[in-house]
């Protein structure tokens, strides 16, 4: 689903190569779109979103994360599976925005697959994790994304993430 056109739409911020960037989302808006809560909410803010195309978000990694005391006490490292979960949460937001899905709680986005996952360097307290997702395709209720996590300009993890949109009832 691609959104084209010129002209101002309420809540839209800028055009990006014929696509409309619906802009940033603060933590309150993120929480409207995701059912996750602390300690499992892993998206702090959406930086930009082009429905049907891409999303960039961020996760501030702090020493206060509940997993650091056990992973690892001497040198804290964010678990790779949680980096993948953060990417999956970003894909859920992009899916919702692509479907023009108003946050009502009637829809859930289930992680159904991860392909080609790679971890390139550790993520440590103090890092700002940039989560980038690009829609590869969607067919019926299945959505596939190319996802990358970066710290600065360095890719720290990447994967293809597949999610399924289901009714919450």
Protein backbone atom coordinates (compact mmCIF):
# COMPACT_ATOMS: atom_id res chain seq x y z
CA UNK A 1 0.00 0.00 0.00
CA UNK A 2 1.59 3.26 -1.10
CA UNK A 3 0.38 6.73 -0.21
CA UNK A 4 0.90 9.34 -2.87
CA UNK A 5 -0.13 12.87 -3.45
CA UNK A 6 0.60 16.43 -2.69
CA UNK A 7 -1.30 18.68 -0.38
CA UNK A 8 -1.37 18.85 3.36
CA UNK A 9 -3.14 16.20 5.38
CA UNK A 10 -3.75 16.61 9.11
CA UNK A 11 -0.85 15.08 11.03
CA UNK A 12 1.33 14.65 7.93
CA UNK A 13 4.66 16.42 8.03
CA UNK A 14 6.64 16.09 4.82
CA UNK A 15 6.86 14.37 1.46
CA UNK A 16 9.61 11.91 0.73
CA UNK A 17 10.04 10.89 -2.92
CA UNK A 18 6.30 10.99 -3.59
CA UNK A 19 5.49 9.36 -0.25
CA UNK A 20 4.14 11.22 2.76
CA UNK A 21 6.17 10.99 5.97
CA UNK A 22 3.64 10.97 8.80
CA UNK A 23 6.38 12.14 11.11
CA UNK A 24 7.53 11.39 14.60
CA UNK A 25 5.65 9.69 17.41
CA UNK A 26 6.44 10.32 21.07
CA UNK A 27 6.34 7.58 23.71
CA UNK A 28 2.64 8.18 24.39
CA UNK A 29 1.75 7.66 20.73
CA UNK A 30 4.02 4.59 20.57
CA UNK A 31 2.15 3.14 23.57
CA UNK A 32 -1.17 3.72 21.77
CA UNK A 33 0.06 1.48 18.93
CA UNK A 34 1.80 -1.27 20.94
CA UNK A 35 0.34 -3.41 23.72
CA UNK A 36 3.79 -3.80 25.33
CA UNK A 37 4.68 -2.06 28.59
CA UNK A 38 7.75 -1.83 30.79
CA UNK A 39 9.97 -3.78 30.89
CA UNK A 40 9.08 -5.11 27.44
CA UNK A 41 8.31 -1.89 25.55
CA UNK A 42 11.47 -1.49 23.46
CA UNK A 43 10.60 1.48 21.22
CA UNK A 44 11.02 4.89 22.87
CA UNK A 45 10.20 7.11 19.90
CA UNK A 46 9.42 7.00 16.18
CA UNK A 47 11.64 9.39 14.23
CA UNK A 48 9.90 9.06 10.86
CA UNK A 49 7.32 6.87 9.19
CA UNK A 50 6.29 6.55 5.56
CA UNK A 51 3.26 4.21 5.61
CA UNK A 52 3.62 1.30 3.23
CA UNK A 53 7.35 1.91 2.95
CA UNK A 54 9.60 2.52 5.98
CA UNK A 55 9.94 3.52 9.60
CA UNK A 56 12.83 4.75 11.76
CA UNK A 57 12.60 4.58 15.54
CA UNK A 58 14.90 4.67 18.54
CA UNK A 59 15.55 2.82 21.75
CA UNK A 60 17.71 4.49 24.38
CA UNK A 61 19.74 1.75 26.05
CA UNK A 62 20.42 2.58 29.71
CA UNK A 63 22.23 0.76 32.52
CA UNK A 64 18.84 0.55 34.30
CA UNK A 65 17.52 -2.04 31.81
CA UNK A 66 16.31 -5.10 33.78
CA UNK A 67 18.41 -7.54 31.72
CA UNK A 68 21.84 -5.97 32.35
CA UNK A 69 22.47 -7.34 35.87
CA UNK A 70 22.43 -10.86 34.44
CA UNK A 71 23.68 -10.24 30.87
CA UNK A 72 26.57 -9.79 31.73
CA UNK A 73 27.46 -8.43 35.19
CA UNK A 74 31.08 -7.62 34.31
CA UNK A 75 30.38 -6.22 30.82
CA UNK A 76 26.67 -5.48 30.20
CA UNK A 77 25.48 -6.34 26.68
CA UNK A 78 21.93 -6.04 25.35
CA UNK A 79 20.70 -9.54 24.41
CA UNK A 80 20.40 -10.05 20.66
CA UNK A 81 16.90 -11.47 20.98
CA UNK A 82 15.78 -8.19 22.57
CA UNK A 83 17.31 -6.22 19.70
CA UNK A 84 15.23 -8.40 17.36
CA UNK A 85 12.16 -7.80 19.55
CA UNK A 86 12.73 -4.02 19.33
CA UNK A 87 12.88 -4.35 15.54
CA UNK A 88 9.70 -6.45 15.58
CA UNK A 89 7.91 -3.77 17.63
CA UNK A 90 9.01 -1.16 15.06
CA UNK A 91 7.56 -3.34 12.27
CA UNK A 92 4.26 -3.58 14.17
CA UNK A 93 4.01 0.22 14.24
CA UNK A 94 4.81 0.44 10.52
CA UNK A 95 2.21 -2.24 9.77
CA UNK A 96 -0.44 -0.37 11.75
CA UNK A 97 0.40 2.93 10.06
CA UNK A 98 0.40 1.24 6.64
CA UNK A 99 -3.07 -0.18 7.27
CA UNK A 100 -4.28 3.21 8.55
CA UNK A 101 -5.12 1.28 11.68
CA UNK A 102 -6.26 3.60 14.45
CA UNK A 103 -5.10 2.25 17.81
CA UNK A 104 -8.23 0.61 19.25
CA UNK A 105 -6.77 -2.56 20.72
CA UNK A 106 -8.80 -4.64 18.24
CA UNK A 107 -5.71 -5.75 16.28
CA UNK A 108 -2.56 -7.57 17.37
CA UNK A 109 0.67 -7.97 15.42
CA UNK A 110 2.32 -11.32 16.05
CA UNK A 111 5.96 -12.05 15.27
CA UNK A 112 5.82 -15.19 13.12
CA UNK A 113 9.31 -15.41 11.64
CA UNK A 114 12.86 -14.14 11.63
CA UNK A 115 15.13 -14.94 8.69
CA UNK A 116 18.80 -14.18 8.13
CA UNK A 117 19.42 -12.66 11.57
CA UNK A 118 22.95 -11.33 12.04
CA UNK A 119 24.61 -9.63 15.01
CA UNK A 120 27.63 -7.54 14.14
CA UNK A 121 28.65 -5.81 17.36
CA UNK A 122 27.51 -5.58 21.00
CA UNK A 123 25.01 -2.98 22.19
CA UNK A 124 25.98 -1.51 25.55
CA UNK A 125 24.50 0.87 28.12
CA UNK A 126 24.61 4.42 26.80
CA UNK A 127 24.04 3.39 23.18
CA UNK A 128 21.15 4.81 21.20
CA UNK A 129 19.72 2.04 19.05
CA UNK A 130 18.26 3.28 15.77
CA UNK A 131 15.67 0.84 14.45
CA UNK A 132 15.09 0.96 10.67
CA UNK A 133 12.45 -1.12 8.96
CA UNK A 134 11.58 -1.29 5.26
CA UNK A 135 8.53 -3.11 3.96
CA UNK A 136 9.50 -5.87 1.52
CA UNK A 137 5.95 -7.09 0.85
CA UNK A 138 2.62 -7.97 2.35
CA UNK A 139 0.09 -10.56 1.29
CA UNK A 140 -3.20 -10.80 3.12
CA UNK A 141 -2.32 -10.66 6.82
CA UNK A 142 1.41 -11.50 6.45
CA UNK A 143 3.94 -8.67 6.33
CA UNK A 144 7.68 -9.05 5.64
CA UNK A 145 10.30 -6.43 6.46
CA UNK A 146 14.00 -5.79 6.06
CA UNK A 147 15.10 -4.57 9.49
CA UNK A 148 18.35 -3.11 10.75
CA UNK A 149 19.48 -1.86 14.15
CA UNK A 150 22.23 0.74 14.16
CA UNK A 151 24.36 2.50 16.73
CA UNK A 152 25.56 5.67 15.08
CA UNK A 153 26.28 4.71 11.47
CA UNK A 154 27.20 1.10 12.34
CA UNK A 155 24.77 -1.75 11.72
CA UNK A 156 24.76 -3.83 14.92
CA UNK A 157 22.02 -6.30 13.91
CA UNK A 158 19.92 -7.11 10.87
CA UNK A 159 17.16 -9.54 9.94
CA UNK A 160 14.12 -10.12 7.81
CA UNK A 161 11.12 -9.99 10.13
CA UNK A 162 7.71 -11.48 9.35
CA UNK A 163 4.58 -10.53 11.26
CA UNK A 164 0.95 -11.49 11.09
CA UNK A 165 -1.97 -9.17 11.70
CA UNK A 166 -4.75 -10.82 13.73
CA UNK A 167 -7.92 -9.78 15.46
CA UNK A 168 -7.45 -9.40 19.21
CA UNK A 169 -10.79 -11.08 19.91
